[in-house]
Amino acid sequence: MRLRTFVIALCCALPHLAQAEFNVDDDGTSLSISENGKPVLAYHYGWVDPPEGVDAHFRRTGYVHPLYGLDGEVLTQDFPDDHYHHRGVFWGWPNTTWKGKQVSTWSLKGARQSPVSCAKPTFTNDTVTFSGENHWILDEAPDHPIASERYRVVVHAATDISRAIDFTITIKNIS
């Protein structure tokens, strides 16, 4: 038996990856990320109050809005008229029972995320990463969290045709 070695060269048309220059503006309640002067997203790690005329129970934190497309268009909504609980890119749990009571961090009924920490962003040549922690609290007992939510978000440099954003969310029961 004779062994043969074959070398196969594959040519792929990969999208061009430009040099990324990320900037992060921290105003004390949100991180606004831009790449090469173009907005990418804003992450709200502090409390966001609802607009005038919307019930105060829709107060929220821990979500991305706006999220921008490659051409600068806003891809998300916050407090849309028909679903005030919707908020950009967010994570929550719609069906939760706590000591016999139905609550929902998804729809902000009886429970919500509460900010604990947001670490200073870190940079590489083609990414910016931020992470932190929120507690899930009951509206009736905000000083006694029921879960810890740790998040890590990696924003990758855009190509000519796309941008990847990685979300890693870990939720742990703490009570």
N, C-alpha and C. Protein backbone atom coordinates (compact mmCIF):
# COMPACT_ATOMS: atom_id res chain seq x y z
N MET A 1 0.84 -1.16 0.00
CA MET A 1 0.00 0.00 0.00
C MET A 1 0.89 1.23 0.00
N ARG A 2 0.59 2.11 -0.86
CA ARG A 2 1.36 3.34 -0.97
C ARG A 2 0.57 4.49 -0.39
N LEU A 3 1.21 5.29 0.48
CA LEU A 3 0.55 6.47 1.03
C LEU A 3 0.79 7.65 0.11
N ARG A 4 -0.21 8.37 -0.09
CA ARG A 4 -0.07 9.58 -0.89
C ARG A 4 -0.52 10.76 -0.05
N THR A 5 0.17 11.79 -0.19
CA THR A 5 -0.19 13.02 0.51
C THR A 5 -0.75 14.01 -0.50
N PHE A 6 -1.88 14.50 -0.20
CA PHE A 6 -2.51 15.49 -1.08
C PHE A 6 -2.60 16.81 -0.32
N VAL A 7 -2.29 17.83 -0.98
CA VAL A 7 -2.47 19.17 -0.43
C VAL A 7 -3.57 19.83 -1.22
N ILE A 8 -4.58 20.21 -0.51
CA ILE A 8 -5.72 20.85 -1.16
C ILE A 8 -5.72 22.31 -0.73
N ALA A 9 -5.65 23.15 -1.70
CA ALA A 9 -5.68 24.59 -1.42
C ALA A 9 -7.09 25.08 -1.66
N LEU A 10 -7.64 25.68 -0.66
CA LEU A 10 -8.98 26.25 -0.77
C LEU A 10 -8.87 27.76 -0.81
N CYS A 11 -9.53 28.33 -1.73
CA CYS A 11 -9.56 29.79 -1.81
C CYS A 11 -10.96 30.22 -1.40
N CYS A 12 -10.98 31.09 -0.46
CA CYS A 12 -12.26 31.58 0.04
C CYS A 12 -12.29 33.09 -0.11
N ALA A 13 -13.42 33.59 -0.46
CA ALA A 13 -13.59 35.04 -0.52
C ALA A 13 -14.08 35.48 0.86
N LEU A 14 -13.16 35.90 1.70
CA LEU A 14 -13.53 36.34 3.04
C LEU A 14 -13.83 37.82 3.02
N PRO A 15 -14.81 38.26 3.78
CA PRO A 15 -15.10 39.68 3.85
C PRO A 15 -13.90 40.42 4.43
N HIS A 16 -13.70 41.61 3.96
CA HIS A 16 -12.59 42.43 4.43
C HIS A 16 -12.81 42.84 5.88
N LEU A 17 -11.79 42.66 6.71
CA LEU A 17 -11.84 43.08 8.10
C LEU A 17 -10.97 44.32 8.25
N ALA A 18 -11.59 45.46 8.41
CA ALA A 18 -10.85 46.71 8.53
C ALA A 18 -10.23 46.81 9.92
N GLN A 19 -9.27 47.69 10.06
CA GLN A 19 -8.67 47.95 11.37
C GLN A 19 -9.74 48.57 12.27
N ALA A 20 -9.95 47.97 13.42
CA ALA A 20 -10.98 48.45 14.34
C ALA A 20 -10.38 49.40 15.35
N GLU A 21 -11.03 50.52 15.51
CA GLU A 21 -10.68 51.44 16.58
C GLU A 21 -11.95 51.66 17.40
N PHE A 22 -12.03 50.93 18.51
CA PHE A 22 -13.21 51.03 19.37
C PHE A 22 -13.07 52.17 20.35
N ASN A 23 -14.19 52.78 20.67
CA ASN A 23 -14.26 53.80 21.71
C ASN A 23 -15.46 53.47 22.59
N VAL A 24 -15.29 53.63 23.91
CA VAL A 24 -16.39 53.40 24.84
C VAL A 24 -16.56 54.65 25.69
N ASP A 25 -17.78 55.17 25.67
CA ASP A 25 -18.13 56.33 26.50
C ASP A 25 -19.00 55.82 27.64
N ASP A 26 -18.58 56.06 28.88
CA ASP A 26 -19.33 55.63 30.07
C ASP A 26 -19.88 56.87 30.74
N ASP A 27 -21.20 57.04 30.73
CA ASP A 27 -21.81 58.23 31.33
C ASP A 27 -22.28 57.99 32.76
N GLY A 28 -21.90 56.85 33.34
CA GLY A 28 -22.29 56.54 34.71
C GLY A 28 -23.52 55.65 34.82
N THR A 29 -24.25 55.48 33.72
CA THR A 29 -25.39 54.57 33.71
C THR A 29 -25.42 53.68 32.47
N SER A 30 -24.62 54.04 31.45
CA SER A 30 -24.59 53.22 30.24
C SER A 30 -23.23 53.33 29.56
N LEU A 31 -22.92 52.27 28.80
CA LEU A 31 -21.72 52.24 27.97
C LEU A 31 -22.16 52.41 26.53
N SER A 32 -21.63 53.41 25.86
CA SER A 32 -21.90 53.61 24.43
C SER A 32 -20.64 53.23 23.66
N ILE A 33 -20.77 52.25 22.79
CA ILE A 33 -19.63 51.72 22.05
C ILE A 33 -19.72 52.16 20.60
N SER A 34 -18.58 52.64 20.08
CA SER A 34 -18.49 52.97 18.66
C SER A 34 -17.24 52.33 18.09
N GLU A 35 -17.25 52.12 16.79
CA GLU A 35 -16.10 51.57 16.08
C GLU A 35 -15.79 52.49 14.91
N ASN A 36 -14.57 52.97 14.86
CA ASN A 36 -14.14 53.87 13.79
C ASN A 36 -15.12 55.04 13.62
N GLY A 37 -15.60 55.56 14.76
CA GLY A 37 -16.49 56.71 14.75
C GLY A 37 -17.95 56.41 14.49
N LYS A 38 -18.30 55.15 14.20
CA LYS A 38 -19.69 54.78 13.94
C LYS A 38 -20.28 54.10 15.18
N PRO A 39 -21.51 54.48 15.58
CA PRO A 39 -22.10 53.85 16.77
C PRO A 39 -22.38 52.37 16.54
N VAL A 40 -22.17 51.57 17.61
CA VAL A 40 -22.42 50.13 17.56
C VAL A 40 -23.59 49.78 18.47
N LEU A 41 -23.50 50.17 19.75
CA LEU A 41 -24.56 49.84 20.70
C LEU A 41 -24.39 50.66 21.97
N ALA A 42 -25.44 50.67 22.77
CA ALA A 42 -25.38 51.20 24.13
C ALA A 42 -25.91 50.13 25.07
N TYR A 43 -25.16 49.86 26.15
CA TYR A 43 -25.60 48.91 27.17
C TYR A 43 -25.96 49.71 28.42
N HIS A 44 -27.19 49.54 28.89
CA HIS A 44 -27.68 50.24 30.08
C HIS A 44 -27.45 49.38 31.31
N TYR A 45 -26.48 49.77 32.13
CA TYR A 45 -26.20 49.05 33.37
C TYR A 45 -26.78 49.79 34.58
N GLY A 46 -27.31 50.96 34.37
CA GLY A 46 -27.99 51.71 35.42
C GLY A 46 -29.48 51.75 35.12
N TRP A 47 -30.24 52.34 36.03
CA TRP A 47 -31.69 52.37 35.88
C TRP A 47 -32.11 53.29 34.74
N VAL A 48 -33.10 52.83 33.97
CA VAL A 48 -33.71 53.64 32.92
C VAL A 48 -35.19 53.80 33.28
N ASP A 49 -35.60 55.04 33.47
CA ASP A 49 -37.00 55.30 33.80
C ASP A 49 -37.83 55.36 32.53
N PRO A 50 -39.10 54.95 32.62
CA PRO A 50 -39.96 55.00 31.43
C PRO A 50 -40.28 56.44 31.04
N PRO A 51 -40.65 56.63 29.79
CA PRO A 51 -41.03 57.98 29.36
C PRO A 51 -42.29 58.46 30.08
N GLU A 52 -42.51 59.75 30.06
CA GLU A 52 -43.69 60.34 30.69
C GLU A 52 -44.96 59.68 30.14
N GLY A 53 -45.85 59.34 31.05
CA GLY A 53 -47.11 58.71 30.67
C GLY A 53 -47.09 57.20 30.70
N VAL A 54 -45.91 56.59 30.90
CA VAL A 54 -45.79 55.14 30.98
C VAL A 54 -45.61 54.76 32.44
N ASP A 55 -46.32 53.73 32.90
CA ASP A 55 -46.29 53.30 34.29
C ASP A 55 -44.86 53.09 34.78
N ALA A 56 -44.58 53.55 35.99
CA ALA A 56 -43.24 53.48 36.58
C ALA A 56 -42.76 52.05 36.78
N HIS A 57 -43.66 51.06 36.82
CA HIS A 57 -43.20 49.68 37.03
C HIS A 57 -42.41 49.16 35.83
N PHE A 58 -42.35 49.90 34.73
CA PHE A 58 -41.55 49.51 33.57
C PHE A 58 -40.10 50.00 33.66
N ARG A 59 -39.72 50.54 34.81
CA ARG A 59 -38.32 50.93 35.04
C ARG A 59 -37.44 49.69 34.87
N ARG A 60 -36.27 49.85 34.21
CA ARG A 60 -35.46 48.68 33.89
C ARG A 60 -33.99 48.99 33.83
N THR A 61 -33.19 47.92 33.71
CA THR A 61 -31.73 48.00 33.58
C THR A 61 -31.25 46.73 32.89
N GLY A 62 -29.98 46.69 32.53
CA GLY A 62 -29.37 45.46 32.02
C GLY A 62 -29.79 45.06 30.62
N TYR A 63 -29.68 45.98 29.65
CA TYR A 63 -30.06 45.65 28.28
C TYR A 63 -29.34 46.55 27.28
N VAL A 64 -29.36 46.12 26.02
CA VAL A 64 -28.74 46.86 24.93
C VAL A 64 -29.81 47.62 24.16
N HIS A 65 -29.64 48.91 24.02
CA HIS A 65 -30.46 49.77 23.15
C HIS A 65 -29.83 51.15 23.11
N PRO A 66 -29.65 51.70 21.96
CA PRO A 66 -29.90 51.11 20.66
C PRO A 66 -28.79 50.16 20.23
N LEU A 67 -29.15 49.24 19.35
CA LEU A 67 -28.20 48.40 18.62
C LEU A 67 -28.26 48.91 17.19
N TYR A 68 -27.10 49.22 16.64
CA TYR A 68 -27.05 49.83 15.31
C TYR A 68 -26.63 48.81 14.25
N GLY A 69 -27.16 48.96 13.05
CA GLY A 69 -26.72 48.18 11.90
C GLY A 69 -25.45 48.79 11.33
N LEU A 70 -24.88 48.14 10.36
CA LEU A 70 -23.62 48.60 9.77
C LEU A 70 -23.74 49.96 9.08
N ASP A 71 -24.94 50.32 8.65
CA ASP A 71 -25.15 51.61 8.01
C ASP A 71 -25.65 52.68 8.97
N GLY A 72 -25.62 52.36 10.28
CA GLY A 72 -26.02 53.34 11.29
C GLY A 72 -27.49 53.33 11.64
N GLU A 73 -28.27 52.43 11.04
CA GLU A 73 -29.70 52.37 11.34
C GLU A 73 -29.91 51.71 12.71
N VAL A 74 -30.90 52.20 13.46
CA VAL A 74 -31.24 51.63 14.76
C VAL A 74 -32.08 50.38 14.54
N LEU A 75 -31.61 49.26 15.10
CA LEU A 75 -32.26 47.97 14.89
C LEU A 75 -33.20 47.57 16.02
N THR A 76 -33.16 48.27 17.15
CA THR A 76 -33.95 47.88 18.32
C THR A 76 -34.90 49.00 18.72
N GLN A 77 -35.82 48.65 19.63
CA GLN A 77 -36.75 49.63 20.20
C GLN A 77 -36.67 49.56 21.71
N ASP A 78 -37.07 50.64 22.34
CA ASP A 78 -37.18 50.70 23.80
C ASP A 78 -38.53 51.33 24.12
N PHE A 79 -39.30 50.69 25.00
CA PHE A 79 -40.63 51.15 25.38
C PHE A 79 -41.56 51.32 24.17
N PRO A 80 -41.64 50.34 23.25
CA PRO A 80 -42.57 50.51 22.13
C PRO A 80 -44.00 50.62 22.66
N ASP A 81 -44.81 51.41 21.99
CA ASP A 81 -46.17 51.71 22.46
C ASP A 81 -47.02 50.48 22.74
N ASP A 82 -46.83 49.41 21.98
CA ASP A 82 -47.68 48.23 22.17
C ASP A 82 -47.10 47.19 23.11
N HIS A 83 -45.85 47.36 23.57
CA HIS A 83 -45.21 46.42 24.48
C HIS A 83 -44.17 47.17 25.31
N TYR A 84 -44.61 47.90 26.32
CA TYR A 84 -43.70 48.73 27.11
C TYR A 84 -42.57 47.94 27.76
N HIS A 85 -42.78 46.64 27.99
CA HIS A 85 -41.74 45.84 28.63
C HIS A 85 -40.60 45.48 27.68
N HIS A 86 -40.81 45.59 26.37
CA HIS A 86 -39.74 45.28 25.41
C HIS A 86 -38.63 46.31 25.52
N ARG A 87 -37.39 45.80 25.45
CA ARG A 87 -36.24 46.67 25.61
C ARG A 87 -35.07 46.13 24.82
N GLY A 88 -34.85 46.65 23.63
CA GLY A 88 -33.70 46.32 22.82
C GLY A 88 -33.35 44.84 22.83
N VAL A 89 -32.09 44.55 23.16
CA VAL A 89 -31.63 43.17 23.34
C VAL A 89 -31.55 42.95 24.85
N PHE A 90 -32.37 42.03 25.36
CA PHE A 90 -32.40 41.77 26.80
C PHE A 90 -32.61 40.29 27.04
N TRP A 91 -32.43 39.89 28.26
CA TRP A 91 -32.62 38.51 28.65
C TRP A 91 -33.41 38.52 29.95
N GLY A 92 -34.34 37.66 30.04
CA GLY A 92 -35.18 37.55 31.23
C GLY A 92 -35.86 36.20 31.23
N TRP A 93 -36.68 35.97 32.20
CA TRP A 93 -37.37 34.70 32.31
C TRP A 93 -38.85 34.98 32.47
N PRO A 94 -39.69 34.50 31.54
CA PRO A 94 -41.10 34.89 31.58
C PRO A 94 -41.95 34.16 32.61
N ASN A 95 -41.59 32.93 32.96
CA ASN A 95 -42.44 32.15 33.87
C ASN A 95 -41.63 31.72 35.08
N THR A 96 -41.71 32.49 36.13
CA THR A 96 -40.98 32.19 37.35
C THR A 96 -41.95 32.15 38.51
N THR A 97 -41.80 31.15 39.35
CA THR A 97 -42.60 31.06 40.56
C THR A 97 -41.65 31.20 41.74
N TRP A 98 -41.93 32.15 42.59
CA TRP A 98 -41.11 32.36 43.79
C TRP A 98 -42.04 32.30 44.99
N LYS A 99 -41.84 31.25 45.80
CA LYS A 99 -42.65 31.03 47.01
C LYS A 99 -44.14 31.11 46.68
N GLY A 100 -44.52 30.43 45.59
CA GLY A 100 -45.92 30.36 45.20
C GLY A 100 -46.45 31.54 44.41
N LYS A 101 -45.63 32.53 44.16
CA LYS A 101 -46.07 33.73 43.47
C LYS A 101 -45.46 33.78 42.06
N GLN A 102 -46.29 34.05 41.05
CA GLN A 102 -45.81 34.19 39.68
C GLN A 102 -45.18 35.57 39.49
N VAL A 103 -43.94 35.58 39.00
CA VAL A 103 -43.24 36.83 38.67
C VAL A 103 -42.55 36.64 37.33
N SER A 104 -42.15 37.78 36.71
CA SER A 104 -41.53 37.69 35.39
C SER A 104 -40.53 38.82 35.19
N THR A 105 -39.24 38.47 35.07
CA THR A 105 -38.26 39.50 34.72
C THR A 105 -38.40 39.88 33.24
N TRP A 106 -39.03 39.02 32.45
CA TRP A 106 -39.26 39.29 31.04
C TRP A 106 -40.22 40.47 30.87
N SER A 107 -41.36 40.39 31.54
CA SER A 107 -42.39 41.43 31.39
C SER A 107 -42.38 42.44 32.53
N LEU A 108 -41.43 42.32 33.44
CA LEU A 108 -41.27 43.24 34.57
C LEU A 108 -42.50 43.22 35.48
N LYS A 109 -43.06 42.03 35.68
CA LYS A 109 -44.21 41.87 36.57
C LYS A 109 -43.75 41.23 37.86
N GLY A 110 -43.55 42.05 38.87
CA GLY A 110 -43.19 41.56 40.19
C GLY A 110 -41.71 41.31 40.40
N ALA A 111 -40.90 41.33 39.32
CA ALA A 111 -39.47 41.08 39.44
C ALA A 111 -38.73 41.77 38.30
N ARG A 112 -37.47 42.06 38.54
CA ARG A 112 -36.64 42.72 37.54
C ARG A 112 -35.18 42.58 37.89
N GLN A 113 -34.31 42.90 36.93
CA GLN A 113 -32.89 42.95 37.20
C GLN A 113 -32.58 44.24 37.96
N SER A 114 -31.57 44.18 38.81
CA SER A 114 -31.09 45.34 39.56
C SER A 114 -29.57 45.37 39.42
N PRO A 115 -28.99 46.51 39.05
CA PRO A 115 -27.56 46.56 38.79
C PRO A 115 -26.71 46.34 40.03
N VAL A 116 -25.65 45.54 39.87
CA VAL A 116 -24.67 45.31 40.94
C VAL A 116 -23.32 45.87 40.52
N SER A 117 -22.84 45.49 39.32
CA SER A 117 -21.54 45.96 38.86
C SER A 117 -21.47 45.92 37.34
N CYS A 118 -20.59 46.76 36.81
CA CYS A 118 -20.24 46.73 35.39
C CYS A 118 -18.76 47.05 35.33
N ALA A 119 -17.97 46.08 34.88
CA ALA A 119 -16.51 46.24 34.85
C ALA A 119 -16.09 47.17 33.72
N LYS A 120 -14.94 47.79 33.88
CA LYS A 120 -14.37 48.63 32.85
C LYS A 120 -14.11 47.76 31.61
N PRO A 121 -14.49 48.23 30.42
CA PRO A 121 -14.29 47.43 29.21
C PRO A 121 -12.81 47.16 28.93
N THR A 122 -12.56 46.03 28.27
CA THR A 122 -11.21 45.68 27.84
C THR A 122 -11.20 45.61 26.31
N PHE A 123 -10.03 45.85 25.74
CA PHE A 123 -9.89 45.95 24.28
C PHE A 123 -8.83 45.00 23.77
N THR A 124 -9.05 44.45 22.57
CA THR A 124 -8.01 43.78 21.80
C THR A 124 -7.97 44.50 20.45
N ASN A 125 -7.21 43.98 19.50
CA ASN A 125 -7.15 44.61 18.18
C ASN A 125 -8.49 44.60 17.45
N ASP A 126 -9.32 43.61 17.76
CA ASP A 126 -10.58 43.51 17.01
C ASP A 126 -11.81 43.25 17.87
N THR A 127 -11.72 43.48 19.19
CA THR A 127 -12.89 43.32 20.05
C THR A 127 -12.87 44.35 21.17
N VAL A 128 -14.04 44.57 21.73
CA VAL A 128 -14.19 45.25 23.02
C VAL A 128 -15.12 44.36 23.84
N THR A 129 -14.75 44.15 25.12
CA THR A 129 -15.49 43.25 25.99
C THR A 129 -15.88 43.98 27.26
N PHE A 130 -17.12 43.78 27.69
CA PHE A 130 -17.54 44.30 29.00
C PHE A 130 -18.33 43.21 29.71
N SER A 131 -18.32 43.28 31.03
CA SER A 131 -19.00 42.26 31.83
C SER A 131 -19.48 42.89 33.12
N GLY A 132 -20.34 42.17 33.80
CA GLY A 132 -20.84 42.67 35.08
C GLY A 132 -21.84 41.71 35.68
N GLU A 133 -22.57 42.24 36.64
CA GLU A 133 -23.54 41.42 37.36
C GLU A 133 -24.78 42.24 37.67
N ASN A 134 -25.92 41.60 37.55
CA ASN A 134 -27.20 42.12 38.01
C ASN A 134 -27.78 41.11 38.99
N HIS A 135 -28.60 41.59 39.90
CA HIS A 135 -29.38 40.69 40.75
C HIS A 135 -30.82 40.74 40.27
N TRP A 136 -31.47 39.62 40.36
CA TRP A 136 -32.90 39.58 40.12
C TRP A 136 -33.58 39.81 41.46
N ILE A 137 -34.42 40.82 41.50
CA ILE A 137 -35.08 41.20 42.75
C ILE A 137 -36.59 41.17 42.57
N LEU A 138 -37.26 40.93 43.68
CA LEU A 138 -38.71 41.03 43.70
C LEU A 138 -39.08 42.47 44.01
N ASP A 139 -40.12 42.97 43.36
CA ASP A 139 -40.55 44.35 43.62
C ASP A 139 -40.91 44.54 45.09
N GLU A 140 -41.47 43.50 45.70
CA GLU A 140 -41.91 43.62 47.10
C GLU A 140 -40.77 43.45 48.10
N ALA A 141 -39.61 42.95 47.67
CA ALA A 141 -38.47 42.74 48.58
C ALA A 141 -37.15 43.02 47.84
N PRO A 142 -36.91 44.27 47.43
CA PRO A 142 -35.74 44.58 46.61
C PRO A 142 -34.39 44.36 47.30
N ASP A 143 -34.38 44.27 48.61
CA ASP A 143 -33.11 44.06 49.33
C ASP A 143 -32.74 42.58 49.47
N HIS A 144 -33.56 41.69 48.93
CA HIS A 144 -33.32 40.25 49.05
C HIS A 144 -33.34 39.63 47.65
N PRO A 145 -32.21 39.66 46.94
CA PRO A 145 -32.19 39.12 45.58
C PRO A 145 -32.46 37.63 45.55
N ILE A 146 -33.09 37.19 44.46
CA ILE A 146 -33.40 35.77 44.30
C ILE A 146 -32.46 35.08 43.33
N ALA A 147 -31.76 35.84 42.49
CA ALA A 147 -30.83 35.25 41.53
C ALA A 147 -29.72 36.24 41.21
N SER A 148 -28.59 35.67 40.81
CA SER A 148 -27.46 36.46 40.33
C SER A 148 -27.33 36.23 38.83
N GLU A 149 -27.25 37.29 38.08
CA GLU A 149 -27.10 37.23 36.63
C GLU A 149 -25.74 37.83 36.29
N ARG A 150 -24.85 37.02 35.77
CA ARG A 150 -23.54 37.51 35.31
C ARG A 150 -23.56 37.53 33.79
N TYR A 151 -23.08 38.62 33.24
CA TYR A 151 -23.07 38.75 31.79
C TYR A 151 -21.67 39.12 31.29
N ARG A 152 -21.39 38.70 30.08
CA ARG A 152 -20.16 39.06 29.38
C ARG A 152 -20.53 39.29 27.93
N VAL A 153 -20.18 40.44 27.41
CA VAL A 153 -20.53 40.80 26.04
C VAL A 153 -19.24 41.12 25.30
N VAL A 154 -19.04 40.46 24.16
CA VAL A 154 -17.88 40.70 23.30
C VAL A 154 -18.38 41.26 21.98
N VAL A 155 -17.97 42.47 21.67
CA VAL A 155 -18.31 43.12 20.41
C VAL A 155 -17.12 42.96 19.48
N HIS A 156 -17.33 42.30 18.35
CA HIS A 156 -16.26 42.07 17.39
C HIS A 156 -16.26 43.18 16.34
N ALA A 157 -15.10 43.39 15.74
CA ALA A 157 -14.98 44.37 14.66
C ALA A 157 -15.90 43.98 13.51
N ALA A 158 -16.43 44.98 12.86
CA ALA A 158 -17.30 44.73 11.71
C ALA A 158 -16.47 44.31 10.51
N THR A 159 -17.08 43.51 9.67
CA THR A 159 -16.52 43.23 8.35
C THR A 159 -17.31 44.10 7.38
N ASP A 160 -17.09 43.92 6.10
CA ASP A 160 -17.87 44.66 5.11
C ASP A 160 -19.35 44.29 5.15
N ILE A 161 -19.64 43.09 5.65
CA ILE A 161 -21.03 42.60 5.56
C ILE A 161 -21.66 42.19 6.88
N SER A 162 -20.91 42.22 7.99
CA SER A 162 -21.51 41.73 9.23
C SER A 162 -20.73 42.20 10.46
N ARG A 163 -21.34 41.96 11.61
CA ARG A 163 -20.68 42.16 12.89
C ARG A 163 -21.19 41.06 13.83
N ALA A 164 -20.27 40.46 14.58
CA ALA A 164 -20.65 39.46 15.57
C ALA A 164 -20.61 40.09 16.96
N ILE A 165 -21.59 39.75 17.76
CA ILE A 165 -21.62 40.16 19.17
C ILE A 165 -21.96 38.90 19.97
N ASP A 166 -21.07 38.54 20.90
CA ASP A 166 -21.27 37.36 21.72
C ASP A 166 -21.84 37.77 23.08
N PHE A 167 -22.92 37.12 23.50
CA PHE A 167 -23.51 37.32 24.82
C PHE A 167 -23.38 36.02 25.61
N THR A 168 -22.76 36.09 26.77
CA THR A 168 -22.70 34.95 27.68
C THR A 168 -23.41 35.36 28.96
N ILE A 169 -24.48 34.67 29.28
CA ILE A 169 -25.30 35.00 30.44
C ILE A 169 -25.34 33.79 31.36
N THR A 170 -25.03 33.99 32.64
CA THR A 170 -25.12 32.92 33.63
C THR A 170 -26.05 33.39 34.75
N ILE A 171 -27.10 32.62 34.99
CA ILE A 171 -28.07 32.97 36.02
C ILE A 171 -28.02 31.89 37.09
N LYS A 172 -27.85 32.32 38.33
CA LYS A 172 -27.73 31.38 39.44
C LYS A 172 -28.68 31.77 40.57
N ASN A 173 -29.42 30.80 41.07
CA ASN A 173 -30.28 31.01 42.23
C ASN A 173 -29.40 31.35 43.44
N ILE A 174 -29.71 32.42 44.15
CA ILE A 174 -28.88 32.79 45.31
C ILE A 174 -29.65 32.86 46.61
N SER A 175 -30.90 32.46 46.62
CA SER A 175 -31.63 32.50 47.89
C SER A 175 -32.35 31.21 48.18
